[in-house]
Amino acid sequence: MVKKICGISNIELPEIGSDPNFVFTNDPLFDTIVLYSSEGNVINVNSWIECAHYVKGGWSNTLIVESGNEIILYGLILCYLSYFIVKKFLVNNAS
């Protein structure tokens, strides 16, 4: 996945882990890539090492939206349409 998103490099990925003091060095020859976390966070990476580190940590160049709001919206629309369909058939059959 690293090769697909970050490109091919002969640089060896250093052991960064979760070191809060590690500083990624900007590589002017590396085109900035936007990565997304599963929570929807966004980061711009400016070096192959930074890109590889985040991709190995589960970040992707594809935004995956996971939201329950669509389910609620579709449920309300379904209830609304069902109400009018049932009302129309009950009113027509009662006449």
N, C-alpha and C. Protein backbone atom coordinates (compact mmCIF):
# COMPACT_ATOMS: atom_id res chain seq x y z
N MET A 1 0.82 -1.19 0.00
CA MET A 1 0.00 0.00 0.00
C MET A 1 0.87 1.26 0.00
N VAL A 2 2.01 1.19 0.67
CA VAL A 2 2.91 2.34 0.72
C VAL A 2 3.37 2.70 -0.68
N LYS A 3 3.75 1.71 -1.48
CA LYS A 3 4.21 1.98 -2.84
C LYS A 3 3.11 2.61 -3.68
N LYS A 4 1.88 2.13 -3.49
CA LYS A 4 0.75 2.63 -4.27
C LYS A 4 0.45 4.09 -3.95
N ILE A 5 0.47 4.45 -2.68
CA ILE A 5 0.10 5.80 -2.27
C ILE A 5 1.29 6.76 -2.30
N CYS A 6 2.41 6.33 -1.75
CA CYS A 6 3.57 7.22 -1.59
C CYS A 6 4.56 7.15 -2.73
N GLY A 7 4.51 6.10 -3.49
CA GLY A 7 5.48 5.91 -4.56
C GLY A 7 6.61 5.00 -4.11
N ILE A 8 7.48 4.67 -5.03
CA ILE A 8 8.60 3.78 -4.77
C ILE A 8 9.79 4.61 -4.30
N SER A 9 10.47 4.11 -3.28
CA SER A 9 11.64 4.81 -2.78
C SER A 9 12.64 3.79 -2.26
N ASN A 10 13.90 4.12 -2.37
CA ASN A 10 14.95 3.24 -1.83
C ASN A 10 15.32 3.67 -0.41
N ILE A 11 14.59 4.62 0.15
CA ILE A 11 14.84 5.08 1.51
C ILE A 11 14.30 4.05 2.49
N GLU A 12 15.08 3.74 3.51
CA GLU A 12 14.62 2.82 4.54
C GLU A 12 13.82 3.60 5.57
N LEU A 13 12.65 3.07 5.91
CA LEU A 13 11.77 3.74 6.86
C LEU A 13 12.33 3.59 8.27
N PRO A 14 12.66 4.70 8.93
CA PRO A 14 13.21 4.62 10.29
C PRO A 14 12.12 4.19 11.28
N GLU A 15 12.53 3.69 12.42
CA GLU A 15 11.59 3.29 13.47
C GLU A 15 11.14 4.55 14.21
N ILE A 16 9.93 5.00 13.88
CA ILE A 16 9.40 6.22 14.47
C ILE A 16 8.48 5.89 15.63
N GLY A 17 7.65 4.86 15.45
CA GLY A 17 6.69 4.50 16.49
C GLY A 17 5.74 5.64 16.75
N SER A 18 5.52 5.95 18.00
CA SER A 18 4.67 7.08 18.35
C SER A 18 5.48 8.15 19.07
N ASP A 19 6.71 8.33 18.66
CA ASP A 19 7.61 9.31 19.26
C ASP A 19 7.10 10.72 18.98
N PRO A 20 6.64 11.45 20.01
CA PRO A 20 6.10 12.80 19.79
C PRO A 20 7.19 13.81 19.44
N ASN A 21 8.46 13.47 19.64
CA ASN A 21 9.57 14.39 19.36
C ASN A 21 10.16 14.21 17.97
N PHE A 22 9.65 13.21 17.21
CA PHE A 22 10.18 12.98 15.87
C PHE A 22 9.70 14.10 14.95
N VAL A 23 10.63 14.67 14.19
CA VAL A 23 10.29 15.74 13.25
C VAL A 23 10.56 15.24 11.83
N PHE A 24 9.53 15.26 11.00
CA PHE A 24 9.69 14.86 9.60
C PHE A 24 10.34 16.01 8.84
N THR A 25 11.31 15.67 8.02
CA THR A 25 12.01 16.66 7.20
C THR A 25 11.28 16.81 5.88
N ASN A 26 11.00 18.04 5.49
CA ASN A 26 10.33 18.33 4.24
C ASN A 26 11.25 17.97 3.07
N ASP A 27 10.72 17.26 2.09
CA ASP A 27 11.48 16.90 0.90
C ASP A 27 10.94 17.72 -0.27
N PRO A 28 11.68 18.71 -0.74
CA PRO A 28 11.19 19.58 -1.82
C PRO A 28 10.95 18.84 -3.14
N LEU A 29 11.54 17.66 -3.30
CA LEU A 29 11.35 16.88 -4.52
C LEU A 29 10.12 15.97 -4.43
N PHE A 30 9.49 15.90 -3.25
CA PHE A 30 8.32 15.05 -3.04
C PHE A 30 7.06 15.89 -3.19
N ASP A 31 6.17 15.44 -4.07
CA ASP A 31 4.89 16.15 -4.23
C ASP A 31 4.00 15.88 -3.02
N THR A 32 3.45 16.93 -2.45
CA THR A 32 2.59 16.80 -1.27
C THR A 32 1.41 15.89 -1.56
N ILE A 33 1.14 15.00 -0.62
CA ILE A 33 0.02 14.06 -0.73
C ILE A 33 -0.90 14.30 0.46
N VAL A 34 -2.20 14.30 0.20
CA VAL A 34 -3.20 14.45 1.25
C VAL A 34 -3.63 13.06 1.69
N LEU A 35 -3.56 12.82 3.00
CA LEU A 35 -3.97 11.53 3.56
C LEU A 35 -5.12 11.75 4.54
N TYR A 36 -5.97 10.71 4.67
CA TYR A 36 -7.14 10.77 5.54
C TYR A 36 -7.11 9.60 6.52
N SER A 37 -7.51 9.87 7.75
CA SER A 37 -7.64 8.80 8.73
C SER A 37 -9.05 8.23 8.65
N SER A 38 -9.28 7.11 9.33
CA SER A 38 -10.61 6.51 9.32
C SER A 38 -11.62 7.38 10.06
N GLU A 39 -11.14 8.31 10.89
CA GLU A 39 -12.03 9.23 11.60
C GLU A 39 -12.32 10.49 10.80
N GLY A 40 -11.72 10.62 9.62
CA GLY A 40 -11.95 11.78 8.78
C GLY A 40 -10.94 12.89 8.97
N ASN A 41 -9.88 12.65 9.75
CA ASN A 41 -8.82 13.65 9.91
C ASN A 41 -8.02 13.75 8.61
N VAL A 42 -7.45 14.91 8.38
CA VAL A 42 -6.70 15.15 7.14
C VAL A 42 -5.30 15.61 7.50
N ILE A 43 -4.31 15.12 6.71
CA ILE A 43 -2.93 15.57 6.89
C ILE A 43 -2.27 15.67 5.52
N ASN A 44 -1.44 16.67 5.36
CA ASN A 44 -0.62 16.82 4.15
C ASN A 44 0.77 16.32 4.48
N VAL A 45 1.26 15.35 3.73
CA VAL A 45 2.60 14.82 3.97
C VAL A 45 3.54 15.37 2.89
N ASN A 46 4.76 15.69 3.33
CA ASN A 46 5.72 16.36 2.44
C ASN A 46 7.01 15.61 2.26
N SER A 47 7.02 14.32 2.58
CA SER A 47 8.19 13.49 2.33
C SER A 47 7.75 12.04 2.24
N TRP A 48 8.57 11.23 1.59
CA TRP A 48 8.23 9.82 1.46
C TRP A 48 8.18 9.16 2.83
N ILE A 49 9.11 9.49 3.71
CA ILE A 49 9.16 8.88 5.04
C ILE A 49 7.89 9.22 5.82
N GLU A 50 7.46 10.46 5.77
CA GLU A 50 6.24 10.87 6.46
C GLU A 50 5.03 10.15 5.88
N CYS A 51 4.96 10.08 4.56
CA CYS A 51 3.86 9.40 3.89
C CYS A 51 3.82 7.92 4.28
N ALA A 52 4.95 7.25 4.19
CA ALA A 52 5.02 5.83 4.52
C ALA A 52 4.64 5.59 5.97
N HIS A 53 5.08 6.46 6.87
CA HIS A 53 4.75 6.31 8.29
C HIS A 53 3.24 6.37 8.50
N TYR A 54 2.59 7.34 7.92
CA TYR A 54 1.14 7.48 8.12
C TYR A 54 0.36 6.38 7.41
N VAL A 55 0.79 5.98 6.21
CA VAL A 55 0.09 4.90 5.50
C VAL A 55 0.21 3.60 6.29
N LYS A 56 1.38 3.33 6.84
CA LYS A 56 1.55 2.12 7.67
C LYS A 56 0.69 2.20 8.93
N GLY A 57 0.36 3.42 9.35
CA GLY A 57 -0.48 3.63 10.52
C GLY A 57 -1.97 3.59 10.21
N GLY A 58 -2.32 3.30 8.96
CA GLY A 58 -3.73 3.14 8.60
C GLY A 58 -4.34 4.30 7.83
N TRP A 59 -3.57 5.34 7.57
CA TRP A 59 -4.08 6.46 6.80
C TRP A 59 -4.14 6.09 5.32
N SER A 60 -5.00 6.77 4.57
CA SER A 60 -5.19 6.46 3.16
C SER A 60 -5.34 7.75 2.37
N ASN A 61 -5.18 7.65 1.06
CA ASN A 61 -5.40 8.82 0.22
C ASN A 61 -6.84 8.90 -0.26
N THR A 62 -7.70 8.06 0.30
CA THR A 62 -9.12 8.04 -0.02
C THR A 62 -9.91 8.37 1.23
N LEU A 63 -10.79 9.34 1.12
CA LEU A 63 -11.63 9.72 2.25
C LEU A 63 -12.80 8.76 2.33
N ILE A 64 -12.94 8.12 3.47
CA ILE A 64 -14.04 7.20 3.71
C ILE A 64 -14.96 7.86 4.73
N VAL A 65 -16.16 8.16 4.30
CA VAL A 65 -17.11 8.83 5.18
C VAL A 65 -18.02 7.78 5.80
N GLU A 66 -17.98 7.71 7.09
CA GLU A 66 -18.87 6.81 7.81
C GLU A 66 -19.74 7.66 8.72
N SER A 67 -21.00 7.74 8.37
CA SER A 67 -21.89 8.59 9.14
C SER A 67 -23.24 7.92 9.27
N GLY A 68 -23.84 8.07 10.41
CA GLY A 68 -25.17 7.52 10.64
C GLY A 68 -26.25 8.48 10.20
N ASN A 69 -25.89 9.70 9.82
CA ASN A 69 -26.88 10.70 9.44
C ASN A 69 -27.66 10.29 8.20
N GLU A 70 -27.02 9.62 7.25
CA GLU A 70 -27.72 9.19 6.05
C GLU A 70 -28.79 8.16 6.39
N ILE A 71 -28.50 7.29 7.31
CA ILE A 71 -29.47 6.27 7.71
C ILE A 71 -30.69 6.92 8.32
N ILE A 72 -30.48 7.92 9.17
CA ILE A 72 -31.59 8.63 9.78
C ILE A 72 -32.41 9.36 8.72
N LEU A 73 -31.73 10.02 7.78
CA LEU A 73 -32.42 10.73 6.71
C LEU A 73 -33.25 9.78 5.87
N TYR A 74 -32.67 8.67 5.44
CA TYR A 74 -33.41 7.71 4.62
C TYR A 74 -34.56 7.09 5.41
N GLY A 75 -34.38 6.87 6.68
CA GLY A 75 -35.45 6.34 7.51
C GLY A 75 -36.61 7.30 7.61
N LEU A 76 -36.31 8.59 7.79
CA LEU A 76 -37.38 9.59 7.85
C LEU A 76 -38.12 9.71 6.52
N ILE A 77 -37.38 9.67 5.43
CA ILE A 77 -38.01 9.73 4.11
C ILE A 77 -38.90 8.52 3.91
N LEU A 78 -38.44 7.34 4.29
CA LEU A 78 -39.23 6.13 4.16
C LEU A 78 -40.51 6.21 5.00
N CYS A 79 -40.38 6.70 6.23
CA CYS A 79 -41.57 6.84 7.09
C CYS A 79 -42.55 7.84 6.48
N TYR A 80 -42.05 8.94 5.98
CA TYR A 80 -42.88 9.98 5.38
C TYR A 80 -43.64 9.42 4.17
N LEU A 81 -42.94 8.75 3.27
CA LEU A 81 -43.59 8.17 2.09
C LEU A 81 -44.57 7.07 2.47
N SER A 82 -44.19 6.24 3.43
CA SER A 82 -45.09 5.17 3.88
C SER A 82 -46.38 5.74 4.44
N TYR A 83 -46.27 6.80 5.21
CA TYR A 83 -47.46 7.44 5.79
C TYR A 83 -48.42 7.89 4.70
N PHE A 84 -47.92 8.57 3.67
CA PHE A 84 -48.80 9.06 2.62
C PHE A 84 -49.34 7.94 1.74
N ILE A 85 -48.57 6.90 1.51
CA ILE A 85 -49.07 5.76 0.74
C ILE A 85 -50.18 5.05 1.49
N VAL A 86 -49.96 4.79 2.77
CA VAL A 86 -50.98 4.12 3.58
C VAL A 86 -52.22 5.01 3.70
N LYS A 87 -52.02 6.30 3.90
CA LYS A 87 -53.15 7.23 4.03
C LYS A 87 -53.98 7.25 2.74
N LYS A 88 -53.30 7.25 1.60
CA LYS A 88 -54.00 7.28 0.31
C LYS A 88 -54.81 6.01 0.11
N PHE A 89 -54.23 4.84 0.42
CA PHE A 89 -54.95 3.59 0.22
C PHE A 89 -56.08 3.44 1.24
N LEU A 90 -55.88 3.87 2.46
CA LEU A 90 -56.93 3.77 3.48
C LEU A 90 -58.07 4.72 3.17
N VAL A 91 -57.76 5.92 2.69
CA VAL A 91 -58.80 6.88 2.33
C VAL A 91 -59.56 6.40 1.10
N ASN A 92 -58.85 5.86 0.11
CA ASN A 92 -59.50 5.36 -1.10
C ASN A 92 -60.34 4.12 -0.81
N ASN A 93 -59.86 3.23 0.06
CA ASN A 93 -60.60 2.01 0.38
C ASN A 93 -61.77 2.29 1.31
N ALA A 94 -61.71 3.34 2.11
CA ALA A 94 -62.80 3.67 3.02
C ALA A 94 -63.96 4.31 2.29
N SER A 95 -63.70 4.87 1.11
CA SER A 95 -64.77 5.56 0.37
C SER A 95 -65.69 4.63 -0.32
